[in-house]
N, C-alpha and C. Protein backbone atom coordinates (compact mmCIF):
# COMPACT_ATOMS: atom_id res chain seq x y z
N MET A 1 -6.70 -5.54 7.35
CA MET A 1 -6.14 -5.06 5.66
C MET A 1 -6.52 -5.72 5.03
N HIS A 2 -7.58 -5.06 4.20
CA HIS A 2 -8.30 -5.71 2.73
C HIS A 2 -7.19 -5.61 1.68
N THR A 3 -6.87 -6.49 1.02
CA THR A 3 -5.70 -6.24 -0.26
C THR A 3 -6.27 -6.86 -1.41
N GLY A 4 -5.99 -6.70 -2.67
CA GLY A 4 -6.23 -7.45 -4.15
C GLY A 4 -5.92 -6.65 -4.97
N THR A 5 -6.67 -7.36 -6.23
CA THR A 5 -5.98 -6.55 -7.66
C THR A 5 -7.34 -6.06 -8.27
N GLY A 6 -7.26 -5.26 -9.20
CA GLY A 6 -8.42 -5.02 -10.15
C GLY A 6 -7.90 -3.69 -11.21
N HIS A 7 -8.77 -3.06 -11.59
CA HIS A 7 -8.57 -2.17 -12.58
C HIS A 7 -9.48 -0.69 -12.19
N LEU A 8 -8.53 0.42 -12.44
CA LEU A 8 -8.89 1.79 -12.24
C LEU A 8 -9.71 1.81 -13.90
N VAL A 9 -10.69 2.39 -13.54
CA VAL A 9 -11.18 2.69 -14.94
C VAL A 9 -11.40 4.23 -15.36
N LEU A 10 -10.75 4.48 -16.29
CA LEU A 10 -10.56 6.29 -16.23
C LEU A 10 -11.94 6.36 -17.28
N ARG A 11 -11.89 8.01 -17.37
CA ARG A 11 -12.92 8.77 -17.97
C ARG A 11 -13.12 8.47 -19.73
N ASP A 12 -11.61 8.07 -19.66
CA ASP A 12 -11.81 7.95 -21.46
C ASP A 12 -11.87 6.45 -22.08
N GLY A 13 -12.09 5.50 -20.53
CA GLY A 13 -12.34 4.07 -20.76
C GLY A 13 -11.29 3.09 -20.95
N ARG A 14 -10.03 3.89 -20.56
CA ARG A 14 -9.16 2.86 -20.37
C ARG A 14 -9.06 2.09 -19.19
N ARG A 15 -8.72 1.19 -18.84
CA ARG A 15 -8.60 0.45 -17.52
C ARG A 15 -6.80 -0.03 -17.16
N LEU A 16 -6.75 0.54 -16.10
CA LEU A 16 -5.65 0.59 -15.85
C LEU A 16 -5.21 -0.65 -14.65
N PRO A 17 -4.49 -1.84 -14.91
CA PRO A 17 -4.35 -2.54 -13.92
C PRO A 17 -3.62 -2.24 -12.43
N LEU A 18 -4.05 -2.74 -11.38
CA LEU A 18 -3.20 -2.26 -9.92
C LEU A 18 -3.55 -3.32 -8.79
N ASN A 19 -2.96 -2.93 -7.77
CA ASN A 19 -3.11 -3.83 -6.45
C ASN A 19 -3.67 -2.42 -5.77
N PHE A 20 -4.65 -3.05 -5.03
CA PHE A 20 -5.07 -2.01 -3.91
C PHE A 20 -5.05 -2.58 -2.17
N GLN A 21 -4.86 -1.76 -1.65
CA GLN A 21 -4.75 -1.91 -0.26
C GLN A 21 -5.83 -1.38 0.60
N PHE A 22 -6.74 -1.62 1.33
CA PHE A 22 -7.65 -0.59 2.10
C PHE A 22 -7.35 -1.00 3.62
N GLY A 23 -7.13 0.18 4.50
CA GLY A 23 -6.78 -0.11 5.68
C GLY A 23 -8.45 -0.11 6.49
N SER A 24 -9.36 0.59 5.71
CA SER A 24 -10.40 0.74 6.40
C SER A 24 -11.53 -0.08 5.59
N ASN A 25 -12.81 -0.85 6.27
CA ASN A 25 -13.39 -1.88 5.50
C ASN A 25 -14.78 -1.66 6.32
N PHE A 26 -15.29 -0.65 6.55
CA PHE A 26 -16.48 -0.94 7.14
C PHE A 26 -17.78 -0.39 6.35
N ASP A 27 -18.68 -1.48 6.52
CA ASP A 27 -20.09 -1.33 5.76
C ASP A 27 -19.45 -1.25 4.35
N GLU A 28 -20.16 -0.24 3.88
CA GLU A 28 -19.54 -0.04 2.33
C GLU A 28 -18.68 1.13 1.78
N VAL A 29 -18.19 1.47 2.96
CA VAL A 29 -16.81 2.83 2.90
C VAL A 29 -15.40 1.87 3.03
N ARG A 30 -14.71 2.63 1.87
CA ARG A 30 -13.22 1.85 1.78
C ARG A 30 -12.37 3.12 1.68
N SER A 31 -11.21 2.84 2.42
CA SER A 31 -9.88 4.08 2.34
C SER A 31 -8.72 3.24 2.01
N GLY A 32 -7.65 3.74 1.43
CA GLY A 32 -6.52 3.12 1.19
C GLY A 32 -5.88 3.46 -0.02
N TYR A 33 -5.09 2.43 -0.32
CA TYR A 33 -4.20 2.94 -1.55
C TYR A 33 -4.36 1.92 -2.66
N LEU A 34 -4.10 2.60 -3.76
CA LEU A 34 -4.20 1.90 -4.97
C LEU A 34 -2.85 1.84 -5.40
N HIS A 35 -2.11 0.96 -5.61
CA HIS A 35 -0.90 0.79 -6.12
C HIS A 35 -0.76 0.68 -7.63
N LEU A 36 -0.46 1.62 -8.61
CA LEU A 36 -0.04 1.76 -10.07
C LEU A 36 0.85 2.43 -10.54
N ASN A 37 1.20 2.42 -11.59
CA ASN A 37 2.02 3.76 -12.24
C ASN A 37 0.80 4.77 -12.72
N THR A 38 0.94 6.08 -12.06
CA THR A 38 -0.20 7.14 -12.30
C THR A 38 0.83 8.06 -13.32
N THR A 39 1.90 7.69 -13.75
CA THR A 39 2.36 8.91 -14.87
C THR A 39 1.53 9.08 -16.06
N CYS A 40 0.86 7.99 -16.82
CA CYS A 40 0.05 8.16 -17.90
C CYS A 40 -1.35 8.95 -17.38
N ILE A 41 -1.92 9.30 -16.17
CA ILE A 41 -3.05 9.85 -15.98
C ILE A 41 -2.99 11.34 -15.76
N ASP A 42 -3.69 12.14 -16.47
CA ASP A 42 -4.03 13.55 -16.14
C ASP A 42 -4.26 13.69 -14.69
N PRO A 43 -3.43 14.48 -13.90
CA PRO A 43 -3.89 14.89 -12.28
C PRO A 43 -5.17 15.73 -12.44
N ALA A 44 -5.52 16.34 -13.02
CA ALA A 44 -6.62 17.02 -13.47
C ALA A 44 -7.99 16.02 -13.19
N SER A 45 -7.76 14.85 -13.67
CA SER A 45 -9.01 13.96 -13.32
C SER A 45 -8.92 13.47 -12.07
N TYR A 46 -8.04 13.72 -11.06
CA TYR A 46 -8.12 13.47 -9.71
C TYR A 46 -9.21 14.40 -9.13
N GLY A 47 -9.65 15.31 -9.44
CA GLY A 47 -10.88 16.06 -9.11
C GLY A 47 -11.99 15.87 -8.97
N ASP A 48 -12.19 14.62 -9.89
CA ASP A 48 -13.50 14.09 -9.92
C ASP A 48 -13.66 12.50 -9.39
N ARG A 49 -14.87 12.23 -9.49
CA ARG A 49 -15.00 10.70 -8.83
C ARG A 49 -14.69 9.81 -9.81
N MET A 50 -13.69 8.89 -9.47
CA MET A 50 -13.16 7.77 -10.19
C MET A 50 -13.85 6.26 -10.01
N GLU A 51 -13.34 5.18 -10.38
CA GLU A 51 -14.12 4.16 -9.91
C GLU A 51 -13.03 2.94 -10.33
N LEU A 52 -13.13 2.02 -9.38
CA LEU A 52 -12.08 0.78 -9.17
C LEU A 52 -13.19 -0.50 -9.29
N VAL A 53 -12.63 -1.19 -10.20
CA VAL A 53 -13.28 -2.48 -10.56
C VAL A 53 -12.48 -3.81 -9.88
N CYS A 54 -12.69 -4.40 -8.78
CA CYS A 54 -12.03 -5.33 -8.27
C CYS A 54 -12.18 -6.63 -8.98
N GLU A 55 -11.21 -7.42 -8.41
CA GLU A 55 -11.21 -8.58 -9.18
C GLU A 55 -12.74 -9.44 -8.83
N ASP A 56 -13.18 -9.40 -7.98
CA ASP A 56 -14.25 -10.04 -7.47
C ASP A 56 -15.53 -9.54 -8.25
N GLY A 57 -15.52 -8.32 -9.14
CA GLY A 57 -16.74 -7.49 -9.55
C GLY A 57 -17.20 -6.58 -8.69
N THR A 58 -16.67 -6.41 -7.39
CA THR A 58 -17.26 -5.21 -6.86
C THR A 58 -16.64 -3.87 -7.25
N ASN A 59 -17.51 -2.79 -7.28
CA ASN A 59 -17.10 -1.28 -7.89
C ASN A 59 -16.93 -0.38 -6.83
N VAL A 60 -16.14 0.16 -6.78
CA VAL A 60 -15.83 1.05 -5.56
C VAL A 60 -15.50 2.43 -6.43
N ARG A 61 -16.57 3.58 -6.04
CA ARG A 61 -16.28 4.79 -6.45
C ARG A 61 -15.50 5.67 -5.28
N PHE A 62 -14.63 6.47 -5.70
CA PHE A 62 -13.68 7.20 -4.90
C PHE A 62 -13.49 8.39 -5.09
N VAL A 63 -12.86 9.15 -4.11
CA VAL A 63 -11.92 10.28 -4.59
C VAL A 63 -10.69 10.12 -4.09
N VAL A 64 -9.85 11.32 -5.10
CA VAL A 64 -8.26 10.92 -4.57
C VAL A 64 -8.00 11.77 -3.68
N THR A 65 -7.14 11.86 -2.41
CA THR A 65 -6.76 12.43 -1.56
C THR A 65 -5.58 12.86 -1.43
N HIS A 66 -4.72 11.89 -2.21
CA HIS A 66 -3.19 12.44 -2.22
C HIS A 66 -2.84 11.35 -3.16
N PHE A 67 -1.76 11.97 -4.14
CA PHE A 67 -1.26 10.74 -5.23
C PHE A 67 0.48 11.34 -5.39
N SER A 68 0.76 10.21 -5.92
CA SER A 68 2.51 10.37 -6.53
C SER A 68 2.37 9.49 -7.63
N ASP A 69 3.75 9.16 -8.48
CA ASP A 69 3.57 8.44 -9.78
C ASP A 69 3.64 6.96 -9.45
N ARG A 70 3.51 6.62 -8.20
CA ARG A 70 3.15 5.14 -7.68
C ARG A 70 1.90 4.75 -7.00
N TYR A 71 1.20 5.76 -6.64
CA TYR A 71 0.22 5.23 -5.83
C TYR A 71 -0.69 6.52 -5.85
N LEU A 72 -2.05 6.18 -5.54
CA LEU A 72 -3.30 7.17 -5.24
C LEU A 72 -3.89 6.66 -4.16
N ALA A 73 -3.70 7.69 -2.91
CA ALA A 73 -4.50 7.61 -1.70
C ALA A 73 -6.27 7.82 -1.80
N VAL A 74 -6.97 7.01 -1.50
CA VAL A 74 -8.11 7.29 -1.92
C VAL A 74 -9.03 6.85 -0.76
N SER A 75 -10.53 7.41 -0.89
CA SER A 75 -11.42 7.15 0.05
C SER A 75 -12.78 7.08 -0.72
N GLY A 76 -13.80 6.09 -0.14
CA GLY A 76 -15.00 6.08 -1.16
C GLY A 76 -15.99 4.96 -0.63
N HIS A 77 -16.80 4.43 -1.34
CA HIS A 77 -17.75 3.79 -1.12
C HIS A 77 -18.33 2.66 -2.34
N ILE A 78 -18.78 1.41 -1.76
CA ILE A 78 -18.77 0.37 -2.71
C ILE A 78 -20.15 0.77 -3.63
N HIS A 79 -20.19 0.57 -5.07
CA HIS A 79 -21.51 1.10 -5.61
C HIS A 79 -22.01 0.06 -6.33
N PRO A 80 -23.50 0.13 -5.68
CA PRO A 80 -24.19 -1.45 -6.31
C PRO A 80 -23.91 -1.35 -7.64
N GLN A 81 -23.88 -2.82 -8.00
CA GLN A 81 -23.94 -2.93 -9.64
C GLN A 81 -25.17 -2.80 -10.01
N ALA A 82 -25.23 -2.68 -11.24
CA ALA A 82 -26.63 -2.12 -12.25
C ALA A 82 -27.39 -3.55 -12.49
N ALA A 83 -28.59 -3.50 -12.33
CA ALA A 83 -29.46 -4.96 -12.44
C ALA A 83 -29.57 -5.20 -13.95
C-alpha cells in the first residue's frame, strides 16, 4: 500500500489538498483512492482525465471510476515531468 499527500488539480486551476492511498503500484500504473471533500467538485468533471500532484513532485494522470462526497476511486499512470 502506497500512501501520501498531494493536491488534486482541477481544470479551473484550483488545487485541493488530499490524502491518497494506492493499492497497486506496478511500474507507472496507479489505482486506489483519493481522500478529500468532493462536494465542491462538479461531478461532470469526472468524465475527463484529472491530475494529482504528490508531495514528492510526482504527477499522476487518472480517471475516476467511482466517487462519493469523501473520496474518489481512481486508476491512472505517472505522467512524465515537462523538461
